[in-house]
Amino acid sequence: MAGAAARASPPTPRQWRSHDPTTVAPVMPPLLLLLLAALALALAPALPHAAAGGGARFYDPARVTQISWRPRAFLYSGFLSHAECDHLIKLAKGRLEKSMVADNESGKSVMSQVRTSSGTFLSKREDEIISGIEKCVAAWTFLPEENAESMQVLHYEVGQKYDAHFNYFSDKKNVKRGGH
């Protein structure tokens, strides 16, 4: 009787993770099943960007390489189609300006030898292709779109660089904006 009562109670996390078949049958808690189902549904639908010649895009973990966990850095192979790259270059080409860096004290953009490229920002509101790319970035990184900065396109001539640096802000303006 005591054994039957013990089996009727829901398994503890330790029990459902256990590989010992005498403790509990391999059962996942309902919350974990719900989370896995939600993740599968979130990753399953295609994110259209056919206007850029990319067709439908699915999250493909086989194309993701973890470079580092601390800090988090991943390589997403083949993330943009050639047509998307060409579109972004075309949009950015006439708008490139000398790249600046944020001054840690004032928060203002200043020239620096740390960064010698040229670049521009593209808003997701500019067109459907940029918006679609931003949606894919959010889906593939598991981060909400609203947490992202506008897309930045950079151009480097031979010999130009962006030195290693730390991103932090102590000025009130950037801290209030969440660091960007």
N, C-alpha and C. Protein backbone atom coordinates (compact mmCIF):
# COMPACT_ATOMS: atom_id res chain seq x y z
N MET A 1 0.82 -1.19 0.00
CA MET A 1 0.00 0.00 0.00
C MET A 1 0.86 1.25 0.00
N ALA A 2 1.88 1.25 0.86
CA ALA A 2 2.74 2.43 0.92
C ALA A 2 3.46 2.63 -0.41
N GLY A 3 3.84 1.52 -1.04
CA GLY A 3 4.51 1.63 -2.33
C GLY A 3 3.60 2.20 -3.40
N ALA A 4 2.31 1.84 -3.38
CA ALA A 4 1.36 2.36 -4.36
C ALA A 4 1.13 3.85 -4.16
N ALA A 5 1.06 4.28 -2.90
CA ALA A 5 0.87 5.71 -2.61
C ALA A 5 2.08 6.51 -3.07
N ALA A 6 3.26 5.94 -2.89
CA ALA A 6 4.47 6.64 -3.29
C ALA A 6 4.53 6.80 -4.81
N ARG A 7 4.05 5.77 -5.54
CA ARG A 7 4.08 5.85 -7.00
C ARG A 7 3.05 6.83 -7.54
N ALA A 8 1.98 7.07 -6.79
CA ALA A 8 0.92 7.96 -7.26
C ALA A 8 1.32 9.43 -7.19
N SER A 9 2.26 9.76 -6.32
CA SER A 9 2.67 11.16 -6.19
C SER A 9 3.54 11.55 -7.38
N PRO A 10 3.50 12.83 -7.77
CA PRO A 10 4.31 13.25 -8.92
C PRO A 10 5.80 13.11 -8.63
N PRO A 11 6.58 12.81 -9.65
CA PRO A 11 8.02 12.64 -9.43
C PRO A 11 8.69 13.97 -9.09
N THR A 12 9.72 13.88 -8.30
CA THR A 12 10.52 15.06 -7.98
C THR A 12 11.49 15.29 -9.14
N PRO A 13 12.07 16.49 -9.25
CA PRO A 13 13.05 16.72 -10.31
C PRO A 13 14.18 15.70 -10.29
N ARG A 14 14.63 15.32 -9.10
CA ARG A 14 15.71 14.34 -9.00
C ARG A 14 15.25 13.01 -9.59
N GLN A 15 13.99 12.62 -9.32
CA GLN A 15 13.49 11.35 -9.82
C GLN A 15 13.33 11.36 -11.34
N TRP A 16 12.78 12.42 -11.91
CA TRP A 16 12.56 12.38 -13.35
C TRP A 16 13.84 12.53 -14.13
N ARG A 17 14.90 13.02 -13.49
CA ARG A 17 16.20 13.08 -14.15
C ARG A 17 16.97 11.78 -13.98
N SER A 18 16.51 10.96 -13.06
CA SER A 18 17.22 9.74 -12.72
C SER A 18 17.18 8.74 -13.86
N HIS A 19 18.25 7.99 -14.03
CA HIS A 19 18.28 6.92 -15.02
C HIS A 19 17.99 5.58 -14.37
N ASP A 20 17.68 5.58 -13.08
CA ASP A 20 17.39 4.36 -12.34
C ASP A 20 15.93 3.99 -12.57
N PRO A 21 15.66 2.91 -13.32
CA PRO A 21 14.28 2.57 -13.66
C PRO A 21 13.44 2.17 -12.45
N THR A 22 14.06 1.88 -11.31
CA THR A 22 13.28 1.50 -10.14
C THR A 22 12.71 2.70 -9.41
N THR A 23 13.22 3.90 -9.65
CA THR A 23 12.71 5.08 -8.94
C THR A 23 11.42 5.57 -9.55
N VAL A 24 11.40 5.80 -10.84
CA VAL A 24 10.22 6.35 -11.50
C VAL A 24 10.37 6.11 -13.00
N ALA A 25 9.28 5.92 -13.68
CA ALA A 25 9.35 5.79 -15.14
C ALA A 25 9.85 7.10 -15.72
N PRO A 26 10.53 7.06 -16.87
CA PRO A 26 11.05 8.30 -17.45
C PRO A 26 9.90 9.23 -17.87
N VAL A 27 9.51 10.11 -16.97
CA VAL A 27 8.41 11.04 -17.20
C VAL A 27 8.95 12.45 -17.08
N MET A 28 8.58 13.30 -18.01
CA MET A 28 8.97 14.71 -17.92
C MET A 28 7.85 15.47 -17.24
N PRO A 29 8.19 16.41 -16.39
CA PRO A 29 7.14 17.20 -15.76
C PRO A 29 6.36 18.00 -16.81
N PRO A 30 5.08 18.24 -16.58
CA PRO A 30 4.25 18.94 -17.57
C PRO A 30 4.81 20.31 -17.97
N LEU A 31 5.39 21.05 -17.03
CA LEU A 31 5.93 22.37 -17.36
C LEU A 31 7.07 22.26 -18.36
N LEU A 32 7.94 21.27 -18.18
CA LEU A 32 9.05 21.08 -19.11
C LEU A 32 8.52 20.70 -20.49
N LEU A 33 7.52 19.82 -20.54
CA LEU A 33 6.91 19.46 -21.82
C LEU A 33 6.31 20.68 -22.51
N LEU A 34 5.64 21.52 -21.73
CA LEU A 34 5.04 22.73 -22.28
C LEU A 34 6.12 23.66 -22.84
N LEU A 35 7.22 23.82 -22.09
CA LEU A 35 8.31 24.67 -22.57
C LEU A 35 8.94 24.12 -23.85
N LEU A 36 9.14 22.82 -23.90
CA LEU A 36 9.71 22.22 -25.11
C LEU A 36 8.77 22.36 -26.30
N ALA A 37 7.46 22.19 -26.06
CA ALA A 37 6.48 22.36 -27.14
C ALA A 37 6.47 23.81 -27.63
N ALA A 38 6.53 24.76 -26.69
CA ALA A 38 6.54 26.17 -27.08
C ALA A 38 7.79 26.50 -27.88
N LEU A 39 8.93 25.95 -27.46
CA LEU A 39 10.18 26.18 -28.20
C LEU A 39 10.08 25.60 -29.60
N ALA A 40 9.54 24.39 -29.72
CA ALA A 40 9.40 23.77 -31.04
C ALA A 40 8.49 24.60 -31.94
N LEU A 41 7.39 25.10 -31.38
CA LEU A 41 6.47 25.92 -32.18
C LEU A 41 7.12 27.24 -32.58
N ALA A 42 7.90 27.81 -31.68
CA ALA A 42 8.54 29.09 -31.99
C ALA A 42 9.58 28.94 -33.09
N LEU A 43 10.25 27.80 -33.12
CA LEU A 43 11.30 27.60 -34.11
C LEU A 43 10.79 27.02 -35.41
N ALA A 44 9.61 26.43 -35.41
CA ALA A 44 9.10 25.74 -36.59
C ALA A 44 8.70 26.66 -37.73
N PRO A 45 8.00 27.78 -37.48
CA PRO A 45 7.52 28.54 -38.64
C PRO A 45 8.65 29.20 -39.40
N ALA A 46 8.46 29.28 -40.70
CA ALA A 46 9.44 29.98 -41.54
C ALA A 46 9.30 31.47 -41.33
N LEU A 47 10.41 32.15 -41.38
CA LEU A 47 10.39 33.60 -41.31
C LEU A 47 10.63 34.10 -42.73
N PRO A 48 9.61 34.66 -43.37
CA PRO A 48 9.75 34.99 -44.79
C PRO A 48 10.72 36.13 -45.04
N HIS A 49 11.52 35.94 -46.03
CA HIS A 49 12.34 37.02 -46.56
C HIS A 49 12.56 36.77 -48.04
N ALA A 50 11.50 36.27 -48.67
CA ALA A 50 11.57 35.91 -50.09
C ALA A 50 11.88 37.12 -50.96
N ALA A 51 11.48 38.31 -50.51
CA ALA A 51 11.74 39.51 -51.31
C ALA A 51 13.23 39.72 -51.51
N ALA A 52 14.04 39.19 -50.60
CA ALA A 52 15.49 39.33 -50.72
C ALA A 52 16.11 38.15 -51.45
N GLY A 53 15.28 37.22 -51.91
CA GLY A 53 15.81 36.07 -52.62
C GLY A 53 16.25 34.96 -51.70
N GLY A 54 15.86 35.02 -50.44
CA GLY A 54 16.30 34.01 -49.50
C GLY A 54 15.31 32.90 -49.29
N GLY A 55 14.08 33.02 -49.79
CA GLY A 55 13.08 32.00 -49.55
C GLY A 55 12.63 32.03 -48.11
N ALA A 56 12.28 30.88 -47.55
CA ALA A 56 11.85 30.81 -46.16
C ALA A 56 13.03 30.36 -45.31
N ARG A 57 13.18 30.95 -44.15
CA ARG A 57 14.32 30.64 -43.29
C ARG A 57 13.82 29.94 -42.03
N PHE A 58 14.49 28.86 -41.67
CA PHE A 58 14.21 28.13 -40.44
C PHE A 58 15.45 28.19 -39.57
N TYR A 59 15.24 28.15 -38.28
CA TYR A 59 16.36 28.04 -37.35
C TYR A 59 16.98 26.67 -37.56
N ASP A 60 18.26 26.61 -37.78
CA ASP A 60 18.94 25.34 -38.01
C ASP A 60 20.13 25.25 -37.06
N PRO A 61 19.99 24.50 -35.95
CA PRO A 61 21.08 24.43 -34.97
C PRO A 61 22.36 23.86 -35.56
N ALA A 62 22.28 23.12 -36.66
CA ALA A 62 23.49 22.57 -37.28
C ALA A 62 24.37 23.68 -37.86
N ARG A 63 23.78 24.86 -38.10
CA ARG A 63 24.55 25.97 -38.67
C ARG A 63 25.08 26.93 -37.60
N VAL A 64 24.93 26.55 -36.33
CA VAL A 64 25.35 27.42 -35.23
C VAL A 64 26.57 26.80 -34.55
N THR A 65 27.62 27.58 -34.42
CA THR A 65 28.83 27.14 -33.72
C THR A 65 29.03 28.05 -32.51
N GLN A 66 29.16 27.43 -31.34
CA GLN A 66 29.43 28.22 -30.14
C GLN A 66 30.92 28.55 -30.10
N ILE A 67 31.23 29.82 -30.10
CA ILE A 67 32.62 30.27 -30.01
C ILE A 67 33.03 30.37 -28.55
N SER A 68 32.13 30.92 -27.73
CA SER A 68 32.40 31.13 -26.30
C SER A 68 31.07 31.20 -25.56
N TRP A 69 31.06 30.71 -24.32
CA TRP A 69 29.86 30.88 -23.51
C TRP A 69 29.97 32.11 -22.62
N ARG A 70 31.17 32.43 -22.16
CA ARG A 70 31.41 33.62 -21.36
C ARG A 70 32.59 34.37 -21.94
N PRO A 71 32.39 35.44 -22.66
CA PRO A 71 31.10 36.01 -23.04
C PRO A 71 30.45 35.15 -24.11
N ARG A 72 29.13 35.27 -24.23
CA ARG A 72 28.41 34.48 -25.23
C ARG A 72 28.73 34.99 -26.62
N ALA A 73 29.22 34.07 -27.45
CA ALA A 73 29.53 34.39 -28.84
C ALA A 73 29.27 33.15 -29.68
N PHE A 74 28.47 33.31 -30.73
CA PHE A 74 28.10 32.22 -31.61
C PHE A 74 28.33 32.63 -33.05
N LEU A 75 28.66 31.66 -33.90
CA LEU A 75 28.80 31.88 -35.33
C LEU A 75 27.60 31.22 -36.02
N TYR A 76 26.84 32.01 -36.76
CA TYR A 76 25.67 31.53 -37.49
C TYR A 76 26.04 31.45 -38.97
N SER A 77 26.42 30.29 -39.44
CA SER A 77 26.87 30.11 -40.83
C SER A 77 25.73 30.30 -41.81
N GLY A 78 25.98 31.07 -42.86
CA GLY A 78 24.99 31.27 -43.90
C GLY A 78 23.73 31.97 -43.44
N PHE A 79 23.85 32.83 -42.45
CA PHE A 79 22.66 33.48 -41.89
C PHE A 79 21.95 34.35 -42.91
N LEU A 80 22.70 35.13 -43.68
CA LEU A 80 22.11 36.00 -44.71
C LEU A 80 22.34 35.39 -46.09
N SER A 81 21.36 35.55 -46.95
CA SER A 81 21.53 35.11 -48.34
C SER A 81 22.39 36.15 -49.08
N HIS A 82 22.90 35.77 -50.24
CA HIS A 82 23.67 36.73 -51.05
C HIS A 82 22.80 37.92 -51.43
N ALA A 83 21.54 37.66 -51.74
CA ALA A 83 20.63 38.75 -52.12
C ALA A 83 20.41 39.71 -50.95
N GLU A 84 20.30 39.18 -49.74
CA GLU A 84 20.14 40.05 -48.57
C GLU A 84 21.38 40.90 -48.35
N CYS A 85 22.55 40.29 -48.48
CA CYS A 85 23.80 41.05 -48.33
C CYS A 85 23.87 42.16 -49.37
N ASP A 86 23.56 41.84 -50.62
CA ASP A 86 23.58 42.85 -51.68
C ASP A 86 22.60 43.98 -51.37
N HIS A 87 21.43 43.64 -50.86
CA HIS A 87 20.41 44.65 -50.53
C HIS A 87 20.93 45.59 -49.42
N LEU A 88 21.52 45.02 -48.37
CA LEU A 88 22.04 45.83 -47.27
C LEU A 88 23.17 46.74 -47.74
N ILE A 89 24.05 46.21 -48.57
CA ILE A 89 25.16 47.02 -49.10
C ILE A 89 24.62 48.17 -49.94
N LYS A 90 23.64 47.88 -50.79
CA LYS A 90 23.04 48.91 -51.64
C LYS A 90 22.41 50.02 -50.79
N LEU A 91 21.68 49.63 -49.74
CA LEU A 91 21.06 50.63 -48.87
C LEU A 91 22.10 51.48 -48.15
N ALA A 92 23.18 50.85 -47.71
CA ALA A 92 24.16 51.54 -46.88
C ALA A 92 25.17 52.37 -47.67
N LYS A 93 25.44 51.97 -48.89
CA LYS A 93 26.56 52.54 -49.66
C LYS A 93 26.59 54.07 -49.68
N GLY A 94 25.52 54.72 -49.98
CA GLY A 94 25.51 56.18 -50.08
C GLY A 94 25.42 56.89 -48.74
N ARG A 95 25.30 56.14 -47.66
CA ARG A 95 25.12 56.74 -46.33
C ARG A 95 26.29 56.51 -45.39
N LEU A 96 27.35 55.88 -45.85
CA LEU A 96 28.48 55.57 -44.98
C LEU A 96 29.16 56.84 -44.49
N GLU A 97 29.46 56.88 -43.21
CA GLU A 97 30.20 57.98 -42.58
C GLU A 97 31.30 57.39 -41.72
N LYS A 98 32.31 58.19 -41.43
CA LYS A 98 33.40 57.72 -40.57
C LYS A 98 32.82 57.21 -39.26
N SER A 99 33.23 56.00 -38.87
CA SER A 99 32.72 55.41 -37.63
C SER A 99 33.23 56.17 -36.42
N MET A 100 32.39 56.26 -35.44
CA MET A 100 32.73 56.96 -34.20
C MET A 100 32.61 55.95 -33.05
N VAL A 101 33.07 56.36 -31.89
CA VAL A 101 32.90 55.56 -30.67
C VAL A 101 32.22 56.44 -29.63
N ALA A 102 31.59 55.80 -28.66
CA ALA A 102 30.93 56.55 -27.58
C ALA A 102 31.96 56.89 -26.51
N ASP A 103 32.03 58.15 -26.16
CA ASP A 103 32.90 58.59 -25.07
C ASP A 103 32.29 58.11 -23.75
N ASN A 104 33.10 57.44 -22.93
CA ASN A 104 32.59 56.86 -21.69
C ASN A 104 32.15 57.90 -20.67
N GLU A 105 32.71 59.07 -20.72
CA GLU A 105 32.33 60.11 -19.75
C GLU A 105 31.08 60.86 -20.17
N SER A 106 31.06 61.31 -21.42
CA SER A 106 29.95 62.16 -21.87
C SER A 106 28.84 61.39 -22.58
N GLY A 107 29.18 60.23 -23.14
CA GLY A 107 28.20 59.47 -23.91
C GLY A 107 28.09 59.93 -25.34
N LYS A 108 28.82 60.99 -25.70
CA LYS A 108 28.75 61.54 -27.06
C LYS A 108 29.63 60.73 -28.01
N SER A 109 29.27 60.76 -29.28
CA SER A 109 30.07 60.08 -30.30
C SER A 109 31.31 60.92 -30.61
N VAL A 110 32.47 60.27 -30.61
CA VAL A 110 33.73 60.96 -30.87
C VAL A 110 34.58 60.13 -31.84
N MET A 111 35.48 60.80 -32.57
CA MET A 111 36.44 60.11 -33.43
C MET A 111 37.48 59.44 -32.55
N SER A 112 37.98 58.29 -33.02
CA SER A 112 38.99 57.58 -32.25
C SER A 112 39.79 56.68 -33.19
N GLN A 113 41.06 56.48 -32.88
CA GLN A 113 41.88 55.55 -33.65
C GLN A 113 41.57 54.10 -33.29
N VAL A 114 40.72 53.91 -32.29
CA VAL A 114 40.28 52.57 -31.93
C VAL A 114 39.44 51.98 -33.07
N ARG A 115 38.68 52.86 -33.74
CA ARG A 115 37.76 52.43 -34.80
C ARG A 115 38.00 53.31 -36.03
N THR A 116 38.44 52.68 -37.13
CA THR A 116 38.79 53.46 -38.31
C THR A 116 37.93 53.15 -39.52
N SER A 117 36.87 52.39 -39.34
CA SER A 117 35.98 52.01 -40.44
C SER A 117 35.01 53.14 -40.78
N SER A 118 34.14 52.87 -41.74
CA SER A 118 33.00 53.75 -42.00
C SER A 118 31.75 52.88 -41.87
N GLY A 119 30.63 53.51 -41.55
CA GLY A 119 29.42 52.71 -41.36
C GLY A 119 28.17 53.55 -41.29
N THR A 120 27.04 52.86 -41.18
CA THR A 120 25.74 53.51 -41.02
C THR A 120 24.80 52.53 -40.33
N PHE A 121 23.72 53.07 -39.81
CA PHE A 121 22.68 52.25 -39.17
C PHE A 121 21.48 52.16 -40.10
N LEU A 122 20.84 50.99 -40.13
CA LEU A 122 19.63 50.77 -40.92
C LEU A 122 18.50 50.41 -39.96
N SER A 123 17.41 51.12 -40.06
CA SER A 123 16.26 50.87 -39.18
C SER A 123 15.40 49.75 -39.75
N LYS A 124 14.88 48.91 -38.87
CA LYS A 124 14.00 47.82 -39.33
C LYS A 124 12.72 48.36 -39.97
N ARG A 125 12.43 49.63 -39.72
CA ARG A 125 11.24 50.24 -40.32
C ARG A 125 11.50 50.68 -41.77
N GLU A 126 12.75 50.58 -42.23
CA GLU A 126 13.07 51.02 -43.59
C GLU A 126 12.42 50.16 -44.66
N ASP A 127 12.46 48.86 -44.48
CA ASP A 127 11.80 47.98 -45.46
C ASP A 127 11.58 46.59 -44.87
N GLU A 128 10.85 45.77 -45.63
CA GLU A 128 10.48 44.44 -45.16
C GLU A 128 11.67 43.50 -45.04
N ILE A 129 12.68 43.70 -45.86
CA ILE A 129 13.85 42.83 -45.81
C ILE A 129 14.60 43.03 -44.50
N ILE A 130 14.85 44.27 -44.13
CA ILE A 130 15.53 44.54 -42.86
C ILE A 130 14.68 44.03 -41.71
N SER A 131 13.39 44.28 -41.76
CA SER A 131 12.49 43.81 -40.71
C SER A 131 12.54 42.29 -40.58
N GLY A 132 12.55 41.59 -41.72
CA GLY A 132 12.63 40.13 -41.70
C GLY A 132 13.94 39.63 -41.12
N ILE A 133 15.04 40.30 -41.46
CA ILE A 133 16.34 39.93 -40.91
C ILE A 133 16.34 40.13 -39.40
N GLU A 134 15.79 41.25 -38.94
CA GLU A 134 15.73 41.53 -37.50
C GLU A 134 14.90 40.47 -36.77
N LYS A 135 13.81 40.01 -37.39
CA LYS A 135 12.99 38.96 -36.79
C LYS A 135 13.79 37.66 -36.68
N CYS A 136 14.57 37.36 -37.71
CA CYS A 136 15.41 36.16 -37.68
C CYS A 136 16.49 36.26 -36.61
N VAL A 137 17.09 37.43 -36.48
CA VAL A 137 18.10 37.63 -35.43
C VAL A 137 17.47 37.34 -34.07
N ALA A 138 16.28 37.88 -33.83
CA ALA A 138 15.59 37.65 -32.55
C ALA A 138 15.29 36.17 -32.35
N ALA A 139 14.81 35.50 -33.39
CA ALA A 139 14.47 34.08 -33.26
C ALA A 139 15.70 33.22 -33.04
N TRP A 140 16.77 33.49 -33.76
CA TRP A 140 17.97 32.67 -33.67
C TRP A 140 18.76 32.92 -32.39
N THR A 141 18.65 34.11 -31.83
CA THR A 141 19.41 34.43 -30.61
C THR A 141 18.57 34.26 -29.36
N PHE A 142 17.27 34.02 -29.52
CA PHE A 142 16.34 33.89 -28.40
C PHE A 142 16.29 35.17 -27.57
N LEU A 143 16.47 36.30 -28.23
CA LEU A 143 16.39 37.61 -27.57
C LEU A 143 15.29 38.42 -28.23
N PRO A 144 14.53 39.18 -27.45
CA PRO A 144 13.44 39.97 -28.04
C PRO A 144 13.96 41.04 -28.99
N GLU A 145 13.21 41.28 -30.06
CA GLU A 145 13.58 42.31 -31.04
C GLU A 145 13.80 43.67 -30.39
N GLU A 146 12.96 44.00 -29.42
CA GLU A 146 13.04 45.33 -28.81
C GLU A 146 14.33 45.54 -28.02
N ASN A 147 15.09 44.47 -27.75
CA ASN A 147 16.36 44.60 -27.04
C ASN A 147 17.52 44.95 -27.98
N ALA A 148 17.26 44.93 -29.27
CA ALA A 148 18.33 45.12 -30.25
C ALA A 148 18.50 46.57 -30.66
N GLU A 149 19.73 46.91 -30.99
CA GLU A 149 20.01 48.20 -31.62
C GLU A 149 19.60 48.10 -33.08
N SER A 150 19.58 49.22 -33.76
CA SER A 150 19.36 49.19 -35.21
C SER A 150 20.53 48.46 -35.85
N MET A 151 20.27 47.86 -37.00
CA MET A 151 21.31 47.12 -37.71
C MET A 151 22.40 48.09 -38.16
N GLN A 152 23.64 47.69 -37.94
CA GLN A 152 24.77 48.53 -38.33
C GLN A 152 25.51 47.84 -39.47
N VAL A 153 25.76 48.58 -40.54
CA VAL A 153 26.55 48.08 -41.66
C VAL A 153 27.88 48.81 -41.61
N LEU A 154 28.98 48.05 -41.60
CA LEU A 154 30.32 48.63 -41.53
C LEU A 154 31.10 48.28 -42.78
N HIS A 155 31.97 49.20 -43.19
CA HIS A 155 32.85 49.00 -44.33
C HIS A 155 34.28 49.24 -43.87
N TYR A 156 35.14 48.26 -44.15
CA TYR A 156 36.55 48.37 -43.80
C TYR A 156 37.40 48.34 -45.06
N GLU A 157 38.23 49.36 -45.23
CA GLU A 157 39.25 49.35 -46.27
C GLU A 157 40.42 48.54 -45.73
N VAL A 158 41.33 48.13 -46.61
CA VAL A 158 42.52 47.40 -46.16
C VAL A 158 43.26 48.26 -45.13
N GLY A 159 43.58 47.68 -43.99
CA GLY A 159 44.31 48.38 -42.94
C GLY A 159 43.42 49.05 -41.90
N GLN A 160 42.13 49.17 -42.18
CA GLN A 160 41.24 49.75 -41.17
C GLN A 160 40.93 48.70 -40.12
N LYS A 161 40.48 49.17 -38.94
CA LYS A 161 40.33 48.24 -37.82
C LYS A 161 39.30 48.73 -36.81
N TYR A 162 38.99 47.82 -35.91
CA TYR A 162 38.21 48.14 -34.71
C TYR A 162 38.88 47.37 -33.60
N ASP A 163 39.66 48.07 -32.77
CA ASP A 163 40.43 47.41 -31.72
C ASP A 163 39.52 46.75 -30.69
N ALA A 164 40.07 45.75 -30.02
CA ALA A 164 39.36 45.11 -28.92
C ALA A 164 39.07 46.16 -27.86
N HIS A 165 37.89 46.06 -27.26
CA HIS A 165 37.47 47.08 -26.29
C HIS A 165 36.36 46.51 -25.42
N PHE A 166 36.04 47.22 -24.36
CA PHE A 166 34.91 46.87 -23.50
C PHE A 166 33.80 47.87 -23.75
N ASN A 167 32.58 47.39 -23.83
CA ASN A 167 31.43 48.28 -23.96
C ASN A 167 30.83 48.48 -22.58
N TYR A 168 30.92 49.68 -22.09
CA TYR A 168 30.25 50.05 -20.85
C TYR A 168 30.04 51.55 -20.89
N PHE A 169 29.06 51.99 -20.15
CA PHE A 169 28.75 53.41 -20.12
C PHE A 169 28.56 53.85 -18.68
N SER A 170 29.14 55.00 -18.35
CA SER A 170 28.92 55.56 -17.02
C SER A 170 28.15 56.88 -17.12
N ASP A 171 27.89 57.35 -18.35
CA ASP A 171 27.15 58.59 -18.49
C ASP A 171 25.65 58.31 -18.35
N LYS A 172 24.92 59.29 -17.86
CA LYS A 172 23.49 59.11 -17.58
C LYS A 172 22.68 58.86 -18.85
N LYS A 173 23.06 59.48 -19.95
CA LYS A 173 22.29 59.35 -21.20
C LYS A 173 22.24 57.90 -21.66
N ASN A 174 23.40 57.26 -21.78
CA ASN A 174 23.44 55.89 -22.27
C ASN A 174 22.94 54.88 -21.25
N VAL A 175 23.17 55.13 -19.98
CA VAL A 175 22.66 54.24 -18.95
C VAL A 175 21.13 54.24 -18.98
N LYS A 176 20.54 55.42 -19.14
CA LYS A 176 19.08 55.53 -19.21
C LYS A 176 18.52 54.78 -20.42
N ARG A 177 19.24 54.80 -21.54
CA ARG A 177 18.79 54.11 -22.75
C ARG A 177 19.11 52.62 -22.71
N GLY A 178 19.67 52.12 -21.63
CA GLY A 178 20.00 50.70 -21.55
C GLY A 178 21.33 50.36 -22.18
N GLY A 179 22.19 51.35 -22.40
CA GLY A 179 23.52 51.09 -22.93
C GLY A 179 23.64 51.22 -24.43
N HIS A 180 22.58 51.65 -25.10
CA HIS A 180 22.70 51.83 -26.56
C HIS A 180 21.83 52.97 -27.02
